Each structure stands twice: as structure tokens, then as C-alpha cells.
Amino acid sequence: MSEQLPDVTYWLALELSKNDQMINLDKVYQGSVELDYLYQLLTSKAQQHWWQTYGVELNPVVVNNAFFRAVALLHERHLEFSRLRKGAETQWVKELLHLN
């Protein structure tokens, strides 16, 4: 069961990141109606995908953990990206592109 967690987490992270609407990861991470909607939509989609593709019925605990790990992973990457964009490491790029 636990060996499925990384695969399901990765799959859900991809689904979250390719979502058509912009997802406010800060709000989602803090909890919101958007989070509830995404949870319902993507966890059922994940279970359906694993059943149709692999013939595996995912444990609800695995799907739940995978979803929140995926959101946390994307949130951390979002924070890291925001920090780097505002950091000294990217200052030369901003100067090069005349964004200052």
C-alpha cells in the first residue's frame, strides 16, 4: 500500500499543476472551498484512473495522504520560486531584461 503513495502523489501533483484555472496555492494550502472541490474532484479521478489503468483499487487513506502531499509539494515549490524571483540570485537576469 505505501509503495503506491509516491506514484499517486506524483500523479495528483501533475493533475493539480495542469489544471486550466489558476490555483491560488496559498489559499488552498490554508484550506478553502477550492481545496474541498479539488479534493473531491482529483481523489475520485485518481481512484478511477488507477482502477481503469492498473486494475488497482486505491486505499482511501493512500489517496488522501497523496493529495495533501501533492498540495504541500506544489506549495513549497511555489514559495521557493517566489523567493528566488525576488532574490539576489536573479538580479542579473532582471537587469539583463531591464525589469528593474
PDB file of N, CA and C in Angstrom:
ATOM      1  N   MET A   1       0.820  -1.189   0.000  1.00  0.00           N
ATOM      2  CA  MET A   1       0.000   0.000   0.000  1.00  0.00           C
ATOM      3  C   MET A   1       0.867   1.257   0.000  1.00  0.00           C
ATOM      4  N   SER A   2       1.867   1.345   0.871  1.00  0.00           N
ATOM      5  CA  SER A   2       2.681   2.555   0.967  1.00  0.00           C
ATOM      6  C   SER A   2       3.541   2.766  -0.265  1.00  0.00           C
ATOM      7  N   GLU A   3       3.812   1.685  -1.022  1.00  0.00           N
ATOM      8  CA  GLU A   3       4.614   1.850  -2.244  1.00  0.00           C
ATOM      9  C   GLU A   3       3.834   2.593  -3.330  1.00  0.00           C
ATOM     10  N   GLN A   4       2.517   2.680  -3.210  1.00  0.00           N
ATOM     11  CA  GLN A   4       1.703   3.421  -4.174  1.00  0.00           C
ATOM     12  C   GLN A   4       1.701   4.916  -3.887  1.00  0.00           C
ATOM     13  N   LEU A   5       2.019   5.303  -2.658  1.00  0.00           N
ATOM     14  CA  LEU A   5       1.923   6.701  -2.252  1.00  0.00           C
ATOM     15  C   LEU A   5       2.738   7.651  -3.126  1.00  0.00           C
ATOM     16  N   PRO A   6       4.025   7.400  -3.416  1.00  0.00           N
ATOM     17  CA  PRO A   6       4.769   8.323  -4.276  1.00  0.00           C
ATOM     18  C   PRO A   6       4.180   8.448  -5.675  1.00  0.00           C
ATOM     19  N   ASP A   7       3.734   7.338  -6.247  1.00  0.00           N
ATOM     20  CA  ASP A   7       3.150   7.376  -7.591  1.00  0.00           C
ATOM     21  C   ASP A   7       1.859   8.179  -7.621  1.00  0.00           C
ATOM     22  N   VAL A   8       1.007   7.958  -6.641  1.00  0.00           N
ATOM     23  CA  VAL A   8      -0.271   8.669  -6.586  1.00  0.00           C
ATOM     24  C   VAL A   8      -0.019  10.148  -6.298  1.00  0.00           C
ATOM     25  N   THR A   9       0.941  10.449  -5.425  1.00  0.00           N
ATOM     26  CA  THR A   9       1.288  11.844  -5.120  1.00  0.00           C
ATOM     27  C   THR A   9       1.770  12.553  -6.378  1.00  0.00           C
ATOM     28  N   TYR A  10       2.654  11.913  -7.114  1.00  0.00           N
ATOM     29  CA  TYR A  10       3.191  12.498  -8.344  1.00  0.00           C
ATOM     30  C   TYR A  10       2.073  12.734  -9.351  1.00  0.00           C
ATOM     31  N   TRP A  11       1.209  11.738  -9.517  1.00  0.00           N
ATOM     32  CA  TRP A  11       0.098  11.845 -10.463  1.00  0.00           C
ATOM     33  C   TRP A  11      -0.814  13.006 -10.083  1.00  0.00           C
ATOM     34  N   LEU A  12      -1.146  13.109  -8.802  1.00  0.00           N
ATOM     35  CA  LEU A  12      -2.023  14.184  -8.345  1.00  0.00           C
ATOM     36  C   LEU A  12      -1.362  15.552  -8.490  1.00  0.00           C
ATOM     37  N   ALA A  13      -0.053  15.631  -8.236  1.00  0.00           N
ATOM     38  CA  ALA A  13       0.673  16.902  -8.415  1.00  0.00           C
ATOM     39  C   ALA A  13       0.620  17.342  -9.872  1.00  0.00           C
ATOM     40  N   LEU A  14       0.782  16.382 -10.785  1.00  0.00           N
ATOM     41  CA  LEU A  14       0.685  16.706 -12.211  1.00  0.00           C
ATOM     42  C   LEU A  14      -0.710  17.189 -12.561  1.00  0.00           C
ATOM     43  N   GLU A  15      -1.711  16.514 -12.041  1.00  0.00           N
ATOM     44  CA  GLU A  15      -3.099  16.921 -12.300  1.00  0.00           C
ATOM     45  C   GLU A  15      -3.367  18.326 -11.763  1.00  0.00           C
ATOM     46  N   LEU A  16      -2.868  18.610 -10.577  1.00  0.00           N
ATOM     47  CA  LEU A  16      -3.042  19.936  -9.991  1.00  0.00           C
ATOM     48  C   LEU A  16      -2.354  21.009 -10.825  1.00  0.00           C
ATOM     49  N   SER A  17      -1.146  20.706 -11.273  1.00  0.00           N
ATOM     50  CA  SER A  17      -0.368  21.722 -11.989  1.00  0.00           C
ATOM     51  C   SER A  17      -0.866  21.951 -13.412  1.00  0.00           C
ATOM     52  N   LYS A  18      -1.550  20.978 -13.992  1.00  0.00           N
ATOM     53  CA  LYS A  18      -2.045  21.180 -15.360  1.00  0.00           C
ATOM     54  C   LYS A  18      -3.507  21.629 -15.395  1.00  0.00           C
ATOM     55  N   ASN A  19      -4.038  21.960 -14.221  1.00  0.00           N
ATOM     56  CA  ASN A  19      -5.399  22.464 -14.117  1.00  0.00           C
ATOM     57  C   ASN A  19      -5.529  23.753 -14.923  1.00  0.00           C
ATOM     58  N   ASP A  20      -6.614  23.893 -15.669  1.00  0.00           N
ATOM     59  CA  ASP A  20      -6.825  25.054 -16.542  1.00  0.00           C
ATOM     60  C   ASP A  20      -6.899  26.369 -15.773  1.00  0.00           C
ATOM     61  N   GLN A  21      -7.640  26.370 -14.673  1.00  0.00           N
ATOM     62  CA  GLN A  21      -7.751  27.594 -13.890  1.00  0.00           C
ATOM     63  C   GLN A  21      -6.518  27.754 -13.015  1.00  0.00           C
ATOM     64  N   MET A  22      -6.159  29.009 -12.804  1.00  0.00           N
ATOM     65  CA  MET A  22      -5.057  29.279 -11.891  1.00  0.00           C
ATOM     66  C   MET A  22      -5.496  28.899 -10.485  1.00  0.00           C
ATOM     67  N   ILE A  23      -4.684  28.131  -9.823  1.00  0.00           N
ATOM     68  CA  ILE A  23      -4.989  27.718  -8.456  1.00  0.00           C
ATOM     69  C   ILE A  23      -4.156  28.584  -7.524  1.00  0.00           C
ATOM     70  N   ASN A  24      -4.818  29.232  -6.571  1.00  0.00           N
ATOM     71  CA  ASN A  24      -4.100  30.023  -5.582  1.00  0.00           C
ATOM     72  C   ASN A  24      -3.590  29.065  -4.512  1.00  0.00           C
ATOM     73  N   LEU A  25      -2.330  28.672  -4.632  1.00  0.00           N
ATOM     74  CA  LEU A  25      -1.771  27.665  -3.738  1.00  0.00           C
ATOM     75  C   LEU A  25      -1.717  28.137  -2.291  1.00  0.00           C
ATOM     76  N   ASP A  26      -1.575  29.451  -2.080  1.00  0.00           N
ATOM     77  CA  ASP A  26      -1.556  29.959  -0.704  1.00  0.00           C
ATOM     78  C   ASP A  26      -2.905  29.722  -0.033  1.00  0.00           C
ATOM     79  N   LYS A  27      -3.994  30.021  -0.758  1.00  0.00           N
ATOM     80  CA  LYS A  27      -5.330  29.813  -0.197  1.00  0.00           C
ATOM     81  C   LYS A  27      -5.629  28.323  -0.035  1.00  0.00           C
ATOM     82  N   VAL A  28      -5.255  27.552  -1.035  1.00  0.00           N
ATOM     83  CA  VAL A  28      -5.512  26.113  -0.973  1.00  0.00           C
ATOM     84  C   VAL A  28      -4.778  25.507   0.207  1.00  0.00           C
ATOM     85  N   TYR A  29      -3.529  25.922   0.389  1.00  0.00           N
ATOM     86  CA  TYR A  29      -2.716  25.351   1.470  1.00  0.00           C
ATOM     87  C   TYR A  29      -3.296  25.684   2.835  1.00  0.00           C
ATOM     88  N   GLN A  30      -3.933  26.859   2.943  1.00  0.00           N
ATOM     89  CA  GLN A  30      -4.527  27.264   4.221  1.00  0.00           C
ATOM     90  C   GLN A  30      -5.912  26.648   4.425  1.00  0.00           C
ATOM     91  N   GLY A  31      -6.466  26.078   3.382  1.00  0.00           N
ATOM     92  CA  GLY A  31      -7.803  25.491   3.461  1.00  0.00           C
ATOM     93  C   GLY A  31      -8.829  26.446   2.878  1.00  0.00           C
ATOM     94  N   SER A  32      -9.638  25.955   1.990  1.00  0.00           N
ATOM     95  CA  SER A  32     -10.633  26.803   1.337  1.00  0.00           C
ATOM     96  C   SER A  32     -11.678  25.915   0.666  1.00  0.00           C
ATOM     97  N   VAL A  33     -12.698  26.561   0.125  1.00  0.00           N
ATOM     98  CA  VAL A  33     -13.708  25.841  -0.649  1.00  0.00           C
ATOM     99  C   VAL A  33     -13.044  25.216  -1.871  1.00  0.00           C
ATOM    100  N   GLU A  34     -12.081  25.947  -2.431  1.00  0.00           N
ATOM    101  CA  GLU A  34     -11.340  25.446  -3.585  1.00  0.00           C
ATOM    102  C   GLU A  34     -10.640  24.131  -3.252  1.00  0.00           C
ATOM    103  N   LEU A  35     -10.087  24.049  -2.046  1.00  0.00           N
ATOM    104  CA  LEU A  35      -9.411  22.827  -1.613  1.00  0.00           C
ATOM    105  C   LEU A  35     -10.393  21.659  -1.565  1.00  0.00           C
ATOM    106  N   ASP A  36     -11.576  21.904  -0.997  1.00  0.00           N
ATOM    107  CA  ASP A  36     -12.600  20.848  -0.919  1.00  0.00           C
ATOM    108  C   ASP A  36     -12.993  20.365  -2.308  1.00  0.00           C
ATOM    109  N   TYR A  37     -13.178  21.317  -3.209  1.00  0.00           N
ATOM    110  CA  TYR A  37     -13.555  20.969  -4.586  1.00  0.00           C
ATOM    111  C   TYR A  37     -12.459  20.152  -5.267  1.00  0.00           C
ATOM    112  N   LEU A  38     -11.217  20.635  -5.161  1.00  0.00           N
ATOM    113  CA  LEU A  38     -10.094  19.914  -5.776  1.00  0.00           C
ATOM    114  C   LEU A  38      -9.939  18.520  -5.180  1.00  0.00           C
ATOM    115  N   TYR A  39     -10.120  18.436  -3.883  1.00  0.00           N
ATOM    116  CA  TYR A  39     -10.006  17.143  -3.205  1.00  0.00           C
ATOM    117  C   TYR A  39     -11.030  16.148  -3.752  1.00  0.00           C
ATOM    118  N   GLN A  40     -12.281  16.572  -3.802  1.00  0.00           N
ATOM    119  CA  GLN A  40     -13.344  15.683  -4.295  1.00  0.00           C
ATOM    120  C   GLN A  40     -13.093  15.273  -5.738  1.00  0.00           C
ATOM    121  N   LEU A  41     -12.768  16.255  -6.557  1.00  0.00           N
ATOM    122  CA  LEU A  41     -12.567  16.007  -7.984  1.00  0.00           C
ATOM    123  C   LEU A  41     -11.365  15.099  -8.241  1.00  0.00           C
ATOM    124  N   LEU A  42     -10.231  15.460  -7.673  1.00  0.00           N
ATOM    125  CA  LEU A  42      -8.995  14.750  -8.010  1.00  0.00           C
ATOM    126  C   LEU A  42      -8.842  13.406  -7.323  1.00  0.00           C
ATOM    127  N   THR A  43      -9.356  13.263  -6.116  1.00  0.00           N
ATOM    128  CA  THR A  43      -9.239  11.956  -5.477  1.00  0.00           C
ATOM    129  C   THR A  43     -10.116  10.921  -6.173  1.00  0.00           C
ATOM    130  N   SER A  44     -11.305  11.335  -6.597  1.00  0.00           N
ATOM    131  CA  SER A  44     -12.157  10.383  -7.331  1.00  0.00           C
ATOM    132  C   SER A  44     -11.549  10.079  -8.701  1.00  0.00           C
ATOM    133  N   LYS A  45     -10.961  11.096  -9.324  1.00  0.00           N
ATOM    134  CA  LYS A  45     -10.305  10.905 -10.622  1.00  0.00           C
ATOM    135  C   LYS A  45      -9.100   9.953 -10.487  1.00  0.00           C
ATOM    136  N   ALA A  46      -8.352  10.108  -9.408  1.00  0.00           N
ATOM    137  CA  ALA A  46      -7.195   9.231  -9.163  1.00  0.00           C
ATOM    138  C   ALA A  46      -7.640   7.785  -8.978  1.00  0.00           C
ATOM    139  N   GLN A  47      -8.674   7.595  -8.166  1.00  0.00           N
ATOM    140  CA  GLN A  47      -9.163   6.234  -7.930  1.00  0.00           C
ATOM    141  C   GLN A  47      -9.668   5.604  -9.219  1.00  0.00           C
ATOM    142  N   GLN A  48     -10.370   6.389 -10.024  1.00  0.00           N
ATOM    143  CA  GLN A  48     -10.873   5.883 -11.305  1.00  0.00           C
ATOM    144  C   GLN A  48      -9.715   5.537 -12.246  1.00  0.00           C
ATOM    145  N   HIS A  49      -8.718   6.419 -12.297  1.00  0.00           N
ATOM    146  CA  HIS A  49      -7.558   6.200 -13.165  1.00  0.00           C
ATOM    147  C   HIS A  49      -6.817   4.908 -12.787  1.00  0.00           C
ATOM    148  N   TRP A  50      -6.556   4.736 -11.500  1.00  0.00           N
ATOM    149  CA  TRP A  50      -5.811   3.541 -11.069  1.00  0.00           C
ATOM    150  C   TRP A  50      -6.618   2.266 -11.327  1.00  0.00           C
ATOM    151  N   TRP A  51      -7.926   2.350 -11.149  1.00  0.00           N
ATOM    152  CA  TRP A  51      -8.763   1.182 -11.378  1.00  0.00           C
ATOM    153  C   TRP A  51      -8.803   0.817 -12.866  1.00  0.00           C
ATOM    154  N   GLN A  52      -9.019   1.822 -13.727  1.00  0.00           N
ATOM    155  CA  GLN A  52      -9.112   1.562 -15.167  1.00  0.00           C
ATOM    156  C   GLN A  52      -7.762   1.189 -15.781  1.00  0.00           C
ATOM    157  N   THR A  53      -6.698   1.822 -15.334  1.00  0.00           N
ATOM    158  CA  THR A  53      -5.386   1.609 -15.936  1.00  0.00           C
ATOM    159  C   THR A  53      -4.680   0.373 -15.394  1.00  0.00           C
ATOM    160  N   TYR A  54      -4.724   0.185 -14.081  1.00  0.00           N
ATOM    161  CA  TYR A  54      -3.939  -0.883 -13.455  1.00  0.00           C
ATOM    162  C   TYR A  54      -4.785  -1.970 -12.797  1.00  0.00           C
ATOM    163  N   GLY A  55      -6.108  -1.759 -12.726  1.00  0.00           N
ATOM    164  CA  GLY A  55      -6.958  -2.721 -12.045  1.00  0.00           C
ATOM    165  C   GLY A  55      -6.719  -2.737 -10.548  1.00  0.00           C
ATOM    166  N   VAL A  56      -6.261  -1.598 -10.005  1.00  0.00           N
ATOM    167  CA  VAL A  56      -5.942  -1.497  -8.585  1.00  0.00           C
ATOM    168  C   VAL A  56      -6.949  -0.581  -7.912  1.00  0.00           C
ATOM    169  N   GLU A  57      -7.518  -1.066  -6.823  1.00  0.00           N
ATOM    170  CA  GLU A  57      -8.413  -0.222  -6.035  1.00  0.00           C
ATOM    171  C   GLU A  57      -7.572   0.446  -4.953  1.00  0.00           C
ATOM    172  N   LEU A  58      -7.439   1.767  -5.070  1.00  0.00           N
ATOM    173  CA  LEU A  58      -6.609   2.505  -4.121  1.00  0.00           C
ATOM    174  C   LEU A  58      -7.296   2.621  -2.768  1.00  0.00           C
ATOM    175  N   ASN A  59      -6.513   2.461  -1.742  1.00  0.00           N
ATOM    176  CA  ASN A  59      -6.979   2.656  -0.382  1.00  0.00           C
ATOM    177  C   ASN A  59      -7.272   4.148  -0.189  1.00  0.00           C
ATOM    178  N   PRO A  60      -8.434   4.507   0.378  1.00  0.00           N
ATOM    179  CA  PRO A  60      -8.766   5.931   0.581  1.00  0.00           C
ATOM    180  C   PRO A  60      -7.710   6.687   1.399  1.00  0.00           C
ATOM    181  N   VAL A  61      -7.046   6.007   2.325  1.00  0.00           N
ATOM    182  CA  VAL A  61      -6.000   6.649   3.135  1.00  0.00           C
ATOM    183  C   VAL A  61      -4.819   7.042   2.249  1.00  0.00           C
ATOM    184  N   VAL A  62      -4.446   6.178   1.310  1.00  0.00           N
ATOM    185  CA  VAL A  62      -3.350   6.473   0.389  1.00  0.00           C
ATOM    186  C   VAL A  62      -3.703   7.684  -0.472  1.00  0.00           C
ATOM    187  N   VAL A  63      -4.916   7.697  -0.995  1.00  0.00           N
ATOM    188  CA  VAL A  63      -5.350   8.799  -1.855  1.00  0.00           C
ATOM    189  C   VAL A  63      -5.381  10.105  -1.064  1.00  0.00           C
ATOM    190  N   ASN A  64      -5.905  10.061   0.141  1.00  0.00           N
ATOM    191  CA  ASN A  64      -5.969  11.241   0.995  1.00  0.00           C
ATOM    192  C   ASN A  64      -4.561  11.782   1.273  1.00  0.00           C
ATOM    193  N   ASN A  65      -3.664  10.917   1.723  1.00  0.00           N
ATOM    194  CA  ASN A  65      -2.290  11.332   2.015  1.00  0.00           C
ATOM    195  C   ASN A  65      -1.597  11.868   0.769  1.00  0.00           C
ATOM    196  N   ALA A  66      -1.803  11.201  -0.350  1.00  0.00           N
ATOM    197  CA  ALA A  66      -1.173  11.614  -1.606  1.00  0.00           C
ATOM    198  C   ALA A  66      -1.652  12.994  -2.032  1.00  0.00           C
ATOM    199  N   PHE A  67      -2.930  13.250  -1.871  1.00  0.00           N
ATOM    200  CA  PHE A  67      -3.470  14.553  -2.267  1.00  0.00           C
ATOM    201  C   PHE A  67      -2.817  15.675  -1.461  1.00  0.00           C
ATOM    202  N   PHE A  68      -2.779  15.523  -0.149  1.00  0.00           N
ATOM    203  CA  PHE A  68      -2.229  16.590   0.684  1.00  0.00           C
ATOM    204  C   PHE A  68      -0.709  16.704   0.533  1.00  0.00           C
ATOM    205  N   ARG A  69      -0.049  15.607   0.255  1.00  0.00           N
ATOM    206  CA  ARG A  69       1.385  15.685  -0.049  1.00  0.00           C
ATOM    207  C   ARG A  69       1.617  16.430  -1.356  1.00  0.00           C
ATOM    208  N   ALA A  70       0.769  16.186  -2.342  1.00  0.00           N
ATOM    209  CA  ALA A  70       0.900  16.865  -3.633  1.00  0.00           C
ATOM    210  C   ALA A  70       0.693  18.368  -3.474  1.00  0.00           C
ATOM    211  N   VAL A  71      -0.331  18.764  -2.714  1.00  0.00           N
ATOM    212  CA  VAL A  71      -0.593  20.183  -2.481  1.00  0.00           C
ATOM    213  C   VAL A  71       0.587  20.807  -1.734  1.00  0.00           C
ATOM    214  N   ALA A  72       1.103  20.125  -0.707  1.00  0.00           N
ATOM    215  CA  ALA A  72       2.234  20.654   0.059  1.00  0.00           C
ATOM    216  C   ALA A  72       3.478  20.780  -0.819  1.00  0.00           C
ATOM    217  N   LEU A  73       3.719  19.795  -1.654  1.00  0.00           N
ATOM    218  CA  LEU A  73       4.870  19.819  -2.559  1.00  0.00           C
ATOM    219  C   LEU A  73       4.787  21.004  -3.508  1.00  0.00           C
ATOM    220  N   LEU A  74       3.633  21.195  -4.132  1.00  0.00           N
ATOM    221  CA  LEU A  74       3.462  22.312  -5.060  1.00  0.00           C
ATOM    222  C   LEU A  74       3.528  23.650  -4.338  1.00  0.00           C
ATOM    223  N   HIS A  75       3.003  23.699  -3.119  1.00  0.00           N
ATOM    224  CA  HIS A  75       3.059  24.934  -2.340  1.00  0.00           C
ATOM    225  C   HIS A  75       4.505  25.292  -2.007  1.00  0.00           C
ATOM    226  N   GLU A  76       5.289  24.307  -1.596  1.00  0.00           N
ATOM    227  CA  GLU A  76       6.708  24.547  -1.287  1.00  0.00           C
ATOM    228  C   GLU A  76       7.460  25.024  -2.521  1.00  0.00           C
ATOM    229  N   ARG A  77       7.201  24.405  -3.652  1.00  0.00           N
ATOM    230  CA  ARG A  77       7.860  24.828  -4.893  1.00  0.00           C
ATOM    231  C   ARG A  77       7.449  26.237  -5.269  1.00  0.00           C
ATOM    232  N   HIS A  78       6.185  26.564  -5.055  1.00  0.00           N
ATOM    233  CA  HIS A  78       5.680  27.908  -5.336  1.00  0.00           C
ATOM    234  C   HIS A  78       6.398  28.936  -4.458  1.00  0.00           C
ATOM    235  N   LEU A  79       6.528  28.624  -3.162  1.00  0.00           N
ATOM    236  CA  LEU A  79       7.221  29.530  -2.237  1.00  0.00           C
ATOM    237  C   LEU A  79       8.682  29.703  -2.637  1.00  0.00           C
ATOM    238  N   GLU A  80       9.325  28.595  -2.971  1.00  0.00           N
ATOM    239  CA  GLU A  80      10.730  28.636  -3.370  1.00  0.00           C
ATOM    240  C   GLU A  80      10.907  29.479  -4.638  1.00  0.00           C
ATOM    241  N   PHE A  81      10.016  29.288  -5.599  1.00  0.00           N
ATOM    242  CA  PHE A  81      10.070  30.049  -6.844  1.00  0.00           C
ATOM    243  C   PHE A  81       9.870  31.540  -6.566  1.00  0.00           C
ATOM    244  N   SER A  82       8.903  31.872  -5.702  1.00  0.00           N
ATOM    245  CA  SER A  82       8.646  33.268  -5.355  1.00  0.00           C
ATOM    246  C   SER A  82       9.855  33.897  -4.680  1.00  0.00           C
ATOM    247  N   ARG A  83      10.488  33.155  -3.756  1.00  0.00           N
ATOM    248  CA  ARG A  83      11.677  33.667  -3.074  1.00  0.00           C
ATOM    249  C   ARG A  83      12.805  33.916  -4.051  1.00  0.00           C
ATOM    250  N   LEU A  84      13.025  32.976  -4.955  1.00  0.00           N
ATOM    251  CA  LEU A  84      14.104  33.116  -5.926  1.00  0.00           C
ATOM    252  C   LEU A  84      13.852  34.276  -6.886  1.00  0.00           C
ATOM    253  N   ARG A  85      12.612  34.457  -7.284  1.00  0.00           N
ATOM    254  CA  ARG A  85      12.283  35.545  -8.206  1.00  0.00           C
ATOM    255  C   ARG A  85      12.570  36.900  -7.592  1.00  0.00           C
ATOM    256  N   LYS A  86      12.434  36.990  -6.287  1.00  0.00           N
ATOM    257  CA  LYS A  86      12.658  38.259  -5.598  1.00  0.00           C
ATOM    258  C   LYS A  86      14.066  38.351  -5.027  1.00  0.00           C
ATOM    259  N   GLY A  87      14.848  37.288  -5.193  1.00  0.00           N
ATOM    260  CA  GLY A  87      16.165  37.233  -4.553  1.00  0.00           C
ATOM    261  C   GLY A  87      17.286  37.795  -5.394  1.00  0.00           C
ATOM    262  N   ALA A  88      18.427  37.923  -4.741  1.00  0.00           N
ATOM    263  CA  ALA A  88      19.629  38.457  -5.393  1.00  0.00           C
ATOM    264  C   ALA A  88      20.122  37.527  -6.497  1.00  0.00           C
ATOM    265  N   GLU A  89      19.805  36.239  -6.378  1.00  0.00           N
ATOM    266  CA  GLU A  89      20.269  35.261  -7.379  1.00  0.00           C
ATOM    267  C   GLU A  89      19.762  35.597  -8.767  1.00  0.00           C
ATOM    268  N   THR A  90      18.610  36.250  -8.846  1.00  0.00           N
ATOM    269  CA  THR A  90      18.024  36.552 -10.153  1.00  0.00           C
ATOM    270  C   THR A  90      18.185  38.023 -10.544  1.00  0.00           C
ATOM    271  N   GLN A  91      18.911  38.774  -9.745  1.00  0.00           N
ATOM    272  CA  GLN A  91      19.067  40.197 -10.013  1.00  0.00           C
ATOM    273  C   GLN A  91      19.698  40.457 -11.377  1.00  0.00           C
ATOM    274  N   TRP A  92      20.714  39.681 -11.745  1.00  0.00           N
ATOM    275  CA  TRP A  92      21.390  39.887 -13.032  1.00  0.00           C
ATOM    276  C   TRP A  92      20.447  39.627 -14.208  1.00  0.00           C
ATOM    277  N   VAL A  93      19.520  38.681 -14.026  1.00  0.00           N
ATOM    278  CA  VAL A  93      18.547  38.398 -15.094  1.00  0.00           C
ATOM    279  C   VAL A  93      17.598  39.580 -15.242  1.00  0.00           C
ATOM    280  N   LYS A  94      17.160  40.124 -14.104  1.00  0.00           N
ATOM    281  CA  LYS A  94      16.268  41.295 -14.148  1.00  0.00           C
ATOM    282  C   LYS A  94      16.955  42.467 -14.824  1.00  0.00           C
ATOM    283  N   GLU A  95      18.234  42.670 -14.497  1.00  0.00           N
ATOM    284  CA  GLU A  95      18.984  43.765 -15.124  1.00  0.00           C
ATOM    285  C   GLU A  95      19.128  43.541 -16.615  1.00  0.00           C
ATOM    286  N   LEU A  96      19.413  42.306 -16.990  1.00  0.00           N
ATOM    287  CA  LEU A  96      19.574  41.946 -18.392  1.00  0.00           C
ATOM    288  C   LEU A  96      18.284  42.225 -19.174  1.00  0.00           C
ATOM    289  N   LEU A  97      17.153  41.910 -18.569  1.00  0.00           N
ATOM    290  CA  LEU A  97      15.859  42.090 -19.226  1.00  0.00           C
ATOM    291  C   LEU A  97      15.255  43.457 -18.969  1.00  0.00           C
ATOM    292  N   HIS A  98      15.981  44.312 -18.259  1.00  0.00           N
ATOM    293  CA  HIS A  98      15.519  45.675 -17.930  1.00  0.00           C
ATOM    294  C   HIS A  98      14.205  45.639 -17.164  1.00  0.00           C
ATOM    295  N   LEU A  99      14.126  44.757 -16.188  1.00  0.00           N
ATOM    296  CA  LEU A  99      12.905  44.633 -15.386  1.00  0.00           C
ATOM    297  C   LEU A  99      12.992  45.407 -14.064  1.00  0.00           C
ATOM    298  N   ASN A 100      14.061  46.137 -13.862  1.00  0.00           N
ATOM    299  CA  ASN A 100      14.196  46.894 -12.611  1.00  0.00           C
ATOM    300  C   ASN A 100      13.577  48.262 -12.731  1.00  0.00           C
TER     301      ASN A 100
END
